Amino acid sequence: MVFGFFRQKRNNQVIVERQYGALTAAARTPAFYLDMHVPDTVIGRFEMLTIMLILYFRRTAKSPRSGQEIAQNIIDAFFEDVDHSIRELGVGDPGVPKRMKKLAGMYYGRLESYAGALDRNDREALEAALKRNIHPEEGETAPSMLALADWMFDAEQALATLDENEIETGMARIAVPGA
């Protein structure tokens, strides 16, 4: 019985690594940075990975228990990755928790605003939230985020059609522009 628990956890780790890798790769798709006005910076990449995770988690929220367990493991992997990245950027141990708290707040704020706009099928609200979050200093002069908002709606529809087996095995792929 105990060995079965450890085997399941090890199998889940392989699935989590596979799925997190796919989400990370999707977030690095050049079209987001070249065509959709996402800055190719550390924060721009954080924003795109956040978007991928939000779309993925919205899909897994409709999954049976195993999909939700995998999603929780992926969010844990995401925050471990963020922690590691902060340390690589030279932030010392005392500063890491403060930065992690700020980034977690950013993630959950985006989750709330993007999910609300997606739920209401409100492209304008989603575009406004994307502008505000991806180009915070530019205000009204920020580039249009409508292409990214449109892509998010399309990606969410495509994710809804995925077979549950793809979710459970870590094989879910988000359709990216230019692919």
N, C-alpha and C. Protein backbone atom coordinates (compact mmCIF):
# COMPACT_ATOMS: atom_id res chain seq x y z
N MET A 1 0.82 -1.19 0.00
CA MET A 1 0.00 0.00 0.00
C MET A 1 0.87 1.26 0.00
N VAL A 2 1.85 1.31 0.87
CA VAL A 2 2.73 2.46 0.94
C VAL A 2 3.53 2.60 -0.36
N PHE A 3 3.99 1.48 -0.90
CA PHE A 3 4.77 1.53 -2.13
C PHE A 3 3.92 2.03 -3.29
N GLY A 4 2.66 1.71 -3.32
CA GLY A 4 1.76 2.21 -4.35
C GLY A 4 1.64 3.73 -4.31
N PHE A 5 1.63 4.30 -3.10
CA PHE A 5 1.57 5.75 -2.95
C PHE A 5 2.81 6.41 -3.56
N PHE A 6 3.99 5.85 -3.26
CA PHE A 6 5.23 6.42 -3.78
C PHE A 6 5.33 6.24 -5.30
N ARG A 7 4.85 5.12 -5.82
CA ARG A 7 4.86 4.89 -7.26
C ARG A 7 3.95 5.92 -7.95
N GLN A 8 2.77 6.17 -7.38
CA GLN A 8 1.85 7.15 -7.96
C GLN A 8 2.48 8.54 -7.93
N LYS A 9 3.12 8.89 -6.84
CA LYS A 9 3.75 10.21 -6.73
C LYS A 9 4.86 10.36 -7.76
N ARG A 10 5.65 9.31 -7.96
CA ARG A 10 6.73 9.34 -8.95
C ARG A 10 6.14 9.46 -10.36
N ASN A 11 5.08 8.71 -10.65
CA ASN A 11 4.43 8.80 -11.95
C ASN A 11 3.85 10.19 -12.17
N ASN A 12 3.23 10.77 -11.13
CA ASN A 12 2.71 12.13 -11.24
C ASN A 12 3.83 13.11 -11.53
N GLN A 13 5.01 12.91 -10.95
CA GLN A 13 6.12 13.83 -11.17
C GLN A 13 6.52 13.85 -12.64
N VAL A 14 6.54 12.70 -13.27
CA VAL A 14 6.86 12.62 -14.70
C VAL A 14 5.80 13.37 -15.50
N ILE A 15 4.55 13.18 -15.16
CA ILE A 15 3.44 13.85 -15.84
C ILE A 15 3.53 15.36 -15.63
N VAL A 16 3.80 15.78 -14.41
CA VAL A 16 3.90 17.20 -14.08
C VAL A 16 5.05 17.84 -14.86
N GLU A 17 6.21 17.19 -14.88
CA GLU A 17 7.36 17.72 -15.60
C GLU A 17 7.06 17.84 -17.09
N ARG A 18 6.41 16.83 -17.65
CA ARG A 18 6.06 16.85 -19.08
C ARG A 18 5.10 18.01 -19.36
N GLN A 19 4.06 18.14 -18.55
CA GLN A 19 3.06 19.17 -18.79
C GLN A 19 3.62 20.56 -18.54
N TYR A 20 4.38 20.74 -17.47
CA TYR A 20 4.97 22.04 -17.18
C TYR A 20 5.94 22.44 -18.29
N GLY A 21 6.69 21.48 -18.80
CA GLY A 21 7.60 21.75 -19.91
C GLY A 21 6.84 22.21 -21.15
N ALA A 22 5.71 21.58 -21.43
CA ALA A 22 4.90 21.96 -22.59
C ALA A 22 4.32 23.37 -22.41
N LEU A 23 3.87 23.69 -21.21
CA LEU A 23 3.32 25.02 -20.95
C LEU A 23 4.41 26.09 -21.05
N THR A 24 5.59 25.78 -20.54
CA THR A 24 6.72 26.70 -20.61
C THR A 24 7.13 26.92 -22.07
N ALA A 25 7.20 25.84 -22.83
CA ALA A 25 7.55 25.96 -24.25
C ALA A 25 6.52 26.81 -25.00
N ALA A 26 5.25 26.60 -24.71
CA ALA A 26 4.20 27.39 -25.37
C ALA A 26 4.35 28.88 -25.03
N ALA A 27 4.71 29.18 -23.78
CA ALA A 27 4.88 30.57 -23.35
C ALA A 27 6.05 31.24 -24.06
N ARG A 28 6.96 30.45 -24.57
CA ARG A 28 8.13 31.01 -25.27
C ARG A 28 7.93 31.13 -26.78
N THR A 29 6.75 30.89 -27.26
CA THR A 29 6.46 30.98 -28.69
C THR A 29 6.79 32.39 -29.19
N PRO A 30 7.65 32.49 -30.20
CA PRO A 30 8.09 33.81 -30.67
C PRO A 30 6.96 34.74 -31.10
N ALA A 31 5.87 34.22 -31.65
CA ALA A 31 4.78 35.08 -32.13
C ALA A 31 4.22 35.98 -31.03
N PHE A 32 4.22 35.53 -29.80
CA PHE A 32 3.71 36.38 -28.72
C PHE A 32 4.56 37.64 -28.59
N TYR A 33 5.85 37.49 -28.76
CA TYR A 33 6.79 38.59 -28.57
C TYR A 33 6.97 39.42 -29.84
N LEU A 34 6.91 38.76 -30.98
CA LEU A 34 7.12 39.45 -32.25
C LEU A 34 5.85 40.08 -32.81
N ASP A 35 4.71 39.42 -32.62
CA ASP A 35 3.47 39.85 -33.28
C ASP A 35 2.40 40.37 -32.32
N MET A 36 2.47 40.01 -31.06
CA MET A 36 1.38 40.34 -30.13
C MET A 36 1.79 41.32 -29.03
N HIS A 37 2.93 41.96 -29.21
CA HIS A 37 3.37 43.06 -28.35
C HIS A 37 3.69 42.67 -26.90
N VAL A 38 4.04 41.43 -26.67
CA VAL A 38 4.50 41.05 -25.33
C VAL A 38 6.01 41.32 -25.31
N PRO A 39 6.50 42.09 -24.35
CA PRO A 39 7.94 42.36 -24.31
C PRO A 39 8.73 41.09 -24.02
N ASP A 40 9.82 40.90 -24.75
CA ASP A 40 10.67 39.72 -24.54
C ASP A 40 11.66 40.03 -23.42
N THR A 41 11.10 40.04 -22.20
CA THR A 41 11.86 40.33 -20.98
C THR A 41 11.50 39.27 -19.95
N VAL A 42 12.16 39.31 -18.82
CA VAL A 42 11.85 38.37 -17.74
C VAL A 42 10.38 38.52 -17.34
N ILE A 43 9.93 39.74 -17.19
CA ILE A 43 8.54 39.97 -16.79
C ILE A 43 7.58 39.58 -17.92
N GLY A 44 7.94 39.87 -19.16
CA GLY A 44 7.10 39.47 -20.29
C GLY A 44 6.93 37.96 -20.34
N ARG A 45 8.00 37.23 -20.09
CA ARG A 45 7.92 35.77 -20.09
C ARG A 45 7.12 35.26 -18.88
N PHE A 46 7.26 35.94 -17.75
CA PHE A 46 6.43 35.61 -16.58
C PHE A 46 4.95 35.79 -16.94
N GLU A 47 4.65 36.90 -17.61
CA GLU A 47 3.26 37.17 -18.00
C GLU A 47 2.72 36.07 -18.92
N MET A 48 3.53 35.66 -19.90
CA MET A 48 3.06 34.63 -20.83
C MET A 48 2.91 33.28 -20.14
N LEU A 49 3.83 32.93 -19.27
CA LEU A 49 3.68 31.66 -18.55
C LEU A 49 2.45 31.71 -17.64
N THR A 50 2.21 32.85 -17.04
CA THR A 50 1.01 33.03 -16.21
C THR A 50 -0.24 32.80 -17.05
N ILE A 51 -0.28 33.35 -18.24
CA ILE A 51 -1.43 33.17 -19.13
C ILE A 51 -1.61 31.69 -19.46
N MET A 52 -0.52 31.01 -19.79
CA MET A 52 -0.61 29.58 -20.12
C MET A 52 -1.16 28.79 -18.93
N LEU A 53 -0.65 29.09 -17.76
CA LEU A 53 -1.11 28.38 -16.56
C LEU A 53 -2.58 28.65 -16.29
N ILE A 54 -3.00 29.88 -16.44
CA ILE A 54 -4.39 30.22 -16.19
C ILE A 54 -5.30 29.45 -17.16
N LEU A 55 -4.95 29.44 -18.42
CA LEU A 55 -5.76 28.71 -19.41
C LEU A 55 -5.78 27.22 -19.08
N TYR A 56 -4.63 26.67 -18.75
CA TYR A 56 -4.54 25.25 -18.41
C TYR A 56 -5.36 24.93 -17.16
N PHE A 57 -5.25 25.76 -16.14
CA PHE A 57 -5.98 25.50 -14.89
C PHE A 57 -7.48 25.65 -15.06
N ARG A 58 -7.89 26.56 -15.92
CA ARG A 58 -9.33 26.67 -16.19
C ARG A 58 -9.83 25.39 -16.83
N ARG A 59 -9.02 24.75 -17.66
CA ARG A 59 -9.42 23.48 -18.27
C ARG A 59 -9.42 22.36 -17.24
N THR A 60 -8.39 22.30 -16.41
CA THR A 60 -8.32 21.20 -15.44
C THR A 60 -9.34 21.35 -14.33
N ALA A 61 -9.87 22.53 -14.13
CA ALA A 61 -10.92 22.71 -13.12
C ALA A 61 -12.15 21.90 -13.48
N LYS A 62 -12.29 21.57 -14.77
CA LYS A 62 -13.42 20.77 -15.24
C LYS A 62 -13.08 19.29 -15.30
N SER A 63 -11.88 18.94 -14.85
CA SER A 63 -11.41 17.55 -14.91
C SER A 63 -11.77 16.81 -13.63
N PRO A 64 -11.78 15.48 -13.73
CA PRO A 64 -11.90 14.70 -12.50
C PRO A 64 -10.70 14.94 -11.60
N ARG A 65 -10.68 14.29 -10.51
CA ARG A 65 -9.69 14.51 -9.46
C ARG A 65 -8.24 14.48 -9.96
N SER A 66 -7.87 13.53 -10.82
CA SER A 66 -6.48 13.41 -11.23
C SER A 66 -6.00 14.65 -11.98
N GLY A 67 -6.83 15.25 -12.82
CA GLY A 67 -6.45 16.46 -13.52
C GLY A 67 -6.21 17.62 -12.57
N GLN A 68 -7.02 17.69 -11.53
CA GLN A 68 -6.87 18.75 -10.55
C GLN A 68 -5.62 18.54 -9.69
N GLU A 69 -5.31 17.28 -9.38
CA GLU A 69 -4.08 16.99 -8.61
C GLU A 69 -2.85 17.40 -9.41
N ILE A 70 -2.85 17.07 -10.69
CA ILE A 70 -1.73 17.42 -11.55
C ILE A 70 -1.61 18.94 -11.63
N ALA A 71 -2.72 19.64 -11.76
CA ALA A 71 -2.71 21.10 -11.82
C ALA A 71 -2.10 21.69 -10.55
N GLN A 72 -2.43 21.14 -9.40
CA GLN A 72 -1.86 21.64 -8.15
C GLN A 72 -0.35 21.42 -8.14
N ASN A 73 0.08 20.27 -8.60
CA ASN A 73 1.53 20.00 -8.67
C ASN A 73 2.22 20.94 -9.64
N ILE A 74 1.54 21.31 -10.72
CA ILE A 74 2.13 22.23 -11.69
C ILE A 74 2.26 23.62 -11.10
N ILE A 75 1.26 24.08 -10.36
CA ILE A 75 1.38 25.41 -9.74
C ILE A 75 2.52 25.41 -8.73
N ASP A 76 2.69 24.30 -8.01
CA ASP A 76 3.82 24.19 -7.08
C ASP A 76 5.14 24.27 -7.84
N ALA A 77 5.23 23.58 -8.99
CA ALA A 77 6.44 23.61 -9.80
C ALA A 77 6.69 25.02 -10.33
N PHE A 78 5.63 25.72 -10.70
CA PHE A 78 5.76 27.09 -11.19
C PHE A 78 6.38 27.98 -10.12
N PHE A 79 5.86 27.92 -8.91
CA PHE A 79 6.39 28.78 -7.86
C PHE A 79 7.80 28.37 -7.44
N GLU A 80 8.13 27.09 -7.53
CA GLU A 80 9.52 26.66 -7.29
C GLU A 80 10.43 27.23 -8.37
N ASP A 81 9.96 27.21 -9.61
CA ASP A 81 10.72 27.76 -10.73
C ASP A 81 10.93 29.26 -10.55
N VAL A 82 9.89 29.97 -10.14
CA VAL A 82 9.98 31.41 -9.91
C VAL A 82 10.99 31.68 -8.79
N ASP A 83 10.91 30.91 -7.72
CA ASP A 83 11.85 31.06 -6.61
C ASP A 83 13.29 30.89 -7.10
N HIS A 84 13.51 29.85 -7.89
CA HIS A 84 14.85 29.58 -8.42
C HIS A 84 15.32 30.73 -9.31
N SER A 85 14.41 31.24 -10.15
CA SER A 85 14.76 32.34 -11.05
C SER A 85 15.11 33.61 -10.28
N ILE A 86 14.38 33.88 -9.23
CA ILE A 86 14.67 35.07 -8.41
C ILE A 86 16.07 34.95 -7.81
N ARG A 87 16.39 33.78 -7.34
CA ARG A 87 17.72 33.57 -6.76
C ARG A 87 18.81 33.70 -7.82
N GLU A 88 18.54 33.21 -9.04
CA GLU A 88 19.51 33.33 -10.13
C GLU A 88 19.73 34.78 -10.53
N LEU A 89 18.72 35.62 -10.35
CA LEU A 89 18.86 37.03 -10.66
C LEU A 89 19.63 37.78 -9.59
N GLY A 90 20.03 37.08 -8.54
CA GLY A 90 20.89 37.67 -7.52
C GLY A 90 20.19 38.18 -6.28
N VAL A 91 18.91 37.88 -6.13
CA VAL A 91 18.21 38.29 -4.92
C VAL A 91 18.66 37.37 -3.79
N GLY A 92 19.08 37.96 -2.69
CA GLY A 92 19.55 37.17 -1.55
C GLY A 92 18.41 36.52 -0.80
N ASP A 93 18.74 35.54 0.04
CA ASP A 93 17.74 34.80 0.80
C ASP A 93 16.73 35.67 1.53
N PRO A 94 17.16 36.76 2.20
CA PRO A 94 16.16 37.56 2.92
C PRO A 94 15.14 38.23 2.01
N GLY A 95 15.51 38.51 0.75
CA GLY A 95 14.60 39.20 -0.16
C GLY A 95 13.67 38.29 -0.94
N VAL A 96 13.95 36.98 -0.95
CA VAL A 96 13.16 36.05 -1.76
C VAL A 96 11.71 35.96 -1.31
N PRO A 97 11.43 35.77 -0.03
CA PRO A 97 10.00 35.66 0.37
C PRO A 97 9.17 36.88 -0.01
N LYS A 98 9.76 38.06 0.13
CA LYS A 98 9.03 39.29 -0.22
C LYS A 98 8.72 39.30 -1.72
N ARG A 99 9.69 38.96 -2.53
CA ARG A 99 9.47 38.92 -3.99
C ARG A 99 8.47 37.83 -4.37
N MET A 100 8.58 36.69 -3.71
CA MET A 100 7.65 35.59 -4.00
C MET A 100 6.22 35.99 -3.67
N LYS A 101 6.05 36.67 -2.55
CA LYS A 101 4.72 37.11 -2.16
C LYS A 101 4.16 38.08 -3.19
N LYS A 102 5.00 39.00 -3.68
CA LYS A 102 4.57 39.95 -4.69
C LYS A 102 4.19 39.23 -5.98
N LEU A 103 5.02 38.30 -6.43
CA LEU A 103 4.74 37.57 -7.67
C LEU A 103 3.50 36.68 -7.54
N ALA A 104 3.32 36.07 -6.37
CA ALA A 104 2.12 35.27 -6.15
C ALA A 104 0.88 36.16 -6.22
N GLY A 105 0.96 37.34 -5.63
CA GLY A 105 -0.15 38.28 -5.70
C GLY A 105 -0.44 38.69 -7.14
N MET A 106 0.63 38.90 -7.92
CA MET A 106 0.46 39.24 -9.34
C MET A 106 -0.25 38.10 -10.06
N TYR A 107 0.20 36.88 -9.81
CA TYR A 107 -0.40 35.72 -10.48
C TYR A 107 -1.89 35.62 -10.15
N TYR A 108 -2.23 35.66 -8.87
CA TYR A 108 -3.63 35.49 -8.48
C TYR A 108 -4.50 36.67 -8.91
N GLY A 109 -3.95 37.87 -8.96
CA GLY A 109 -4.68 39.01 -9.49
C GLY A 109 -5.01 38.84 -10.97
N ARG A 110 -4.03 38.33 -11.71
CA ARG A 110 -4.25 38.07 -13.13
C ARG A 110 -5.27 36.96 -13.33
N LEU A 111 -5.15 35.93 -12.52
CA LEU A 111 -6.11 34.84 -12.60
C LEU A 111 -7.53 35.38 -12.46
N GLU A 112 -7.74 36.22 -11.47
CA GLU A 112 -9.07 36.77 -11.23
C GLU A 112 -9.55 37.65 -12.38
N SER A 113 -8.70 38.56 -12.85
CA SER A 113 -9.17 39.48 -13.89
C SER A 113 -9.33 38.78 -15.24
N TYR A 114 -8.40 37.90 -15.60
CA TYR A 114 -8.51 37.21 -16.89
C TYR A 114 -9.68 36.23 -16.87
N ALA A 115 -9.83 35.50 -15.78
CA ALA A 115 -10.93 34.54 -15.68
C ALA A 115 -12.28 35.26 -15.75
N GLY A 116 -12.39 36.39 -15.09
CA GLY A 116 -13.63 37.15 -15.12
C GLY A 116 -13.99 37.57 -16.53
N ALA A 117 -13.01 38.09 -17.26
CA ALA A 117 -13.25 38.52 -18.64
C ALA A 117 -13.57 37.32 -19.54
N LEU A 118 -12.86 36.21 -19.36
CA LEU A 118 -13.13 35.01 -20.15
C LEU A 118 -14.53 34.48 -19.85
N ASP A 119 -14.90 34.46 -18.58
CA ASP A 119 -16.23 33.97 -18.19
C ASP A 119 -17.35 34.82 -18.80
N ARG A 120 -17.12 36.12 -18.88
CA ARG A 120 -18.14 37.04 -19.43
C ARG A 120 -18.05 37.16 -20.95
N ASN A 121 -17.06 36.48 -21.54
CA ASN A 121 -16.81 36.58 -22.99
C ASN A 121 -16.60 38.04 -23.38
N ASP A 122 -15.82 38.74 -22.55
CA ASP A 122 -15.61 40.18 -22.71
C ASP A 122 -14.19 40.45 -23.21
N ARG A 123 -14.04 40.50 -24.52
CA ARG A 123 -12.73 40.71 -25.15
C ARG A 123 -12.13 42.07 -24.76
N GLU A 124 -12.95 43.08 -24.68
CA GLU A 124 -12.45 44.42 -24.33
C GLU A 124 -11.88 44.44 -22.91
N ALA A 125 -12.58 43.80 -21.98
CA ALA A 125 -12.08 43.76 -20.61
C ALA A 125 -10.79 42.95 -20.52
N LEU A 126 -10.72 41.86 -21.28
CA LEU A 126 -9.50 41.06 -21.28
C LEU A 126 -8.35 41.86 -21.89
N GLU A 127 -8.61 42.54 -23.00
CA GLU A 127 -7.56 43.36 -23.60
C GLU A 127 -7.08 44.44 -22.62
N ALA A 128 -8.00 45.08 -21.93
CA ALA A 128 -7.63 46.13 -20.97
C ALA A 128 -6.78 45.55 -19.83
N ALA A 129 -7.16 44.38 -19.34
CA ALA A 129 -6.38 43.74 -18.26
C ALA A 129 -4.99 43.36 -18.76
N LEU A 130 -4.91 42.84 -19.98
CA LEU A 130 -3.61 42.48 -20.55
C LEU A 130 -2.73 43.72 -20.71
N LYS A 131 -3.30 44.80 -21.22
CA LYS A 131 -2.54 46.05 -21.36
C LYS A 131 -2.01 46.53 -20.02
N ARG A 132 -2.89 46.53 -19.04
CA ARG A 132 -2.55 47.01 -17.70
C ARG A 132 -1.43 46.17 -17.08
N ASN A 133 -1.48 44.86 -17.31
CA ASN A 133 -0.50 43.98 -16.68
C ASN A 133 0.79 43.83 -17.47
N ILE A 134 0.70 43.79 -18.78
CA ILE A 134 1.89 43.55 -19.60
C ILE A 134 2.64 44.84 -19.90
N HIS A 135 1.94 45.96 -19.94
CA HIS A 135 2.56 47.26 -20.21
C HIS A 135 2.14 48.27 -19.14
N PRO A 136 2.49 48.03 -17.88
CA PRO A 136 1.98 48.87 -16.80
C PRO A 136 2.42 50.33 -16.85
N GLU A 137 3.60 50.61 -17.38
CA GLU A 137 4.09 51.99 -17.40
C GLU A 137 3.58 52.79 -18.59
N GLU A 138 3.03 52.13 -19.58
CA GLU A 138 2.69 52.83 -20.81
C GLU A 138 1.28 53.40 -20.82
N GLY A 139 0.42 52.94 -19.95
CA GLY A 139 -0.94 53.48 -19.88
C GLY A 139 -1.66 53.44 -21.20
N GLU A 140 -2.24 54.57 -21.61
CA GLU A 140 -3.02 54.65 -22.84
C GLU A 140 -2.17 54.47 -24.09
N THR A 141 -0.88 54.70 -24.00
CA THR A 141 -0.01 54.55 -25.18
C THR A 141 0.47 53.11 -25.38
N ALA A 142 0.03 52.21 -24.52
CA ALA A 142 0.42 50.80 -24.64
C ALA A 142 -0.11 50.23 -25.96
N PRO A 143 0.65 49.31 -26.55
CA PRO A 143 0.17 48.71 -27.80
C PRO A 143 -1.08 47.86 -27.57
N SER A 144 -1.80 47.64 -28.63
CA SER A 144 -3.02 46.84 -28.56
C SER A 144 -2.70 45.42 -28.10
N MET A 145 -3.53 44.91 -27.25
CA MET A 145 -3.41 43.53 -26.79
C MET A 145 -4.57 42.70 -27.30
N LEU A 146 -5.30 43.23 -28.29
CA LEU A 146 -6.48 42.54 -28.81
C LEU A 146 -6.11 41.20 -29.45
N ALA A 147 -5.00 41.15 -30.17
CA ALA A 147 -4.59 39.87 -30.79
C ALA A 147 -4.32 38.83 -29.71
N LEU A 148 -3.70 39.23 -28.62
CA LEU A 148 -3.44 38.28 -27.53
C LEU A 148 -4.75 37.87 -26.86
N ALA A 149 -5.64 38.82 -26.65
CA ALA A 149 -6.94 38.50 -26.06
C ALA A 149 -7.71 37.53 -26.96
N ASP A 150 -7.72 37.80 -28.26
CA ASP A 150 -8.40 36.90 -29.19
C ASP A 150 -7.79 35.50 -29.14
N TRP A 151 -6.46 35.45 -29.10
CA TRP A 151 -5.79 34.15 -29.03
C TRP A 151 -6.19 33.41 -27.75
N MET A 152 -6.29 34.13 -26.63
CA MET A 152 -6.67 33.47 -25.36
C MET A 152 -8.06 32.85 -25.47
N PHE A 153 -9.01 33.55 -26.07
CA PHE A 153 -10.35 32.98 -26.24
C PHE A 153 -10.29 31.73 -27.11
N ASP A 154 -9.54 31.81 -28.20
CA ASP A 154 -9.41 30.65 -29.10
C ASP A 154 -8.73 29.48 -28.41
N ALA A 155 -7.67 29.78 -27.66
CA ALA A 155 -6.93 28.73 -26.96
C ALA A 155 -7.81 28.05 -25.92
N GLU A 156 -8.62 28.84 -25.22
CA GLU A 156 -9.50 28.24 -24.22
C GLU A 156 -10.52 27.32 -24.87
N GLN A 157 -11.06 27.72 -26.02
CA GLN A 157 -12.01 26.86 -26.73
C GLN A 157 -11.34 25.56 -27.17
N ALA A 158 -10.12 25.67 -27.67
CA ALA A 158 -9.40 24.47 -28.10
C ALA A 158 -9.10 23.55 -26.91
N LEU A 159 -8.74 24.12 -25.78
CA LEU A 159 -8.47 23.30 -24.59
C LEU A 159 -9.72 22.57 -24.12
N ALA A 160 -10.87 23.18 -24.28
CA ALA A 160 -12.13 22.56 -23.85
C ALA A 160 -12.41 21.27 -24.62
N THR A 161 -11.85 21.14 -25.81
CA THR A 161 -12.10 19.95 -26.63
C THR A 161 -11.11 18.82 -26.36
N LEU A 162 -10.11 19.07 -25.53
CA LEU A 162 -9.11 18.04 -25.26
C LEU A 162 -9.72 16.85 -24.55
N ASP A 163 -9.27 15.69 -24.95
CA ASP A 163 -9.67 14.45 -24.29
C ASP A 163 -9.07 14.42 -22.88
N GLU A 164 -9.82 13.89 -21.96
CA GLU A 164 -9.36 13.83 -20.56
C GLU A 164 -8.05 13.06 -20.41
N ASN A 165 -7.83 12.09 -21.27
CA ASN A 165 -6.59 11.32 -21.21
C ASN A 165 -5.36 12.21 -21.43
N GLU A 166 -5.50 13.23 -22.28
CA GLU A 166 -4.39 14.15 -22.52
C GLU A 166 -4.05 14.95 -21.26
N ILE A 167 -5.06 15.30 -20.51
CA ILE A 167 -4.85 16.01 -19.25
C ILE A 167 -4.18 15.08 -18.23
N GLU A 168 -4.71 13.88 -18.09
CA GLU A 168 -4.23 12.94 -17.07
C GLU A 168 -2.81 12.46 -17.33
N THR A 169 -2.37 12.49 -18.59
CA THR A 169 -1.03 11.99 -18.91
C THR A 169 -0.01 13.11 -19.13
N GLY A 170 -0.45 14.37 -18.96
CA GLY A 170 0.48 15.48 -19.16
C GLY A 170 0.77 15.77 -20.62
N MET A 171 -0.15 15.38 -21.50
CA MET A 171 0.04 15.56 -22.93
C MET A 171 -0.78 16.71 -23.50
N ALA A 172 -1.41 17.50 -22.64
CA ALA A 172 -2.22 18.63 -23.10
C ALA A 172 -1.31 19.67 -23.73
N ARG A 173 -1.71 20.14 -24.90
CA ARG A 173 -0.95 21.16 -25.61
C ARG A 173 -1.88 22.32 -25.89
N ILE A 174 -1.35 23.51 -25.70
CA ILE A 174 -2.11 24.72 -26.00
C ILE A 174 -1.72 25.15 -27.42
N ALA A 175 -2.71 25.33 -28.26
CA ALA A 175 -2.45 25.75 -29.63
C ALA A 175 -1.87 27.17 -29.60
N VAL A 176 -0.68 27.32 -30.15
CA VAL A 176 0.00 28.60 -30.15
C VAL A 176 0.00 29.21 -31.55
N PRO A 177 0.08 30.53 -31.64
CA PRO A 177 0.09 31.16 -32.95
C PRO A 177 1.34 30.78 -33.74
N GLY A 178 1.17 30.63 -35.03
CA GLY A 178 2.30 30.32 -35.88
C GLY A 178 2.70 28.86 -35.90
N ALA A 179 1.91 28.01 -35.22
CA ALA A 179 2.27 26.57 -35.17
C ALA A 179 1.47 25.78 -36.17
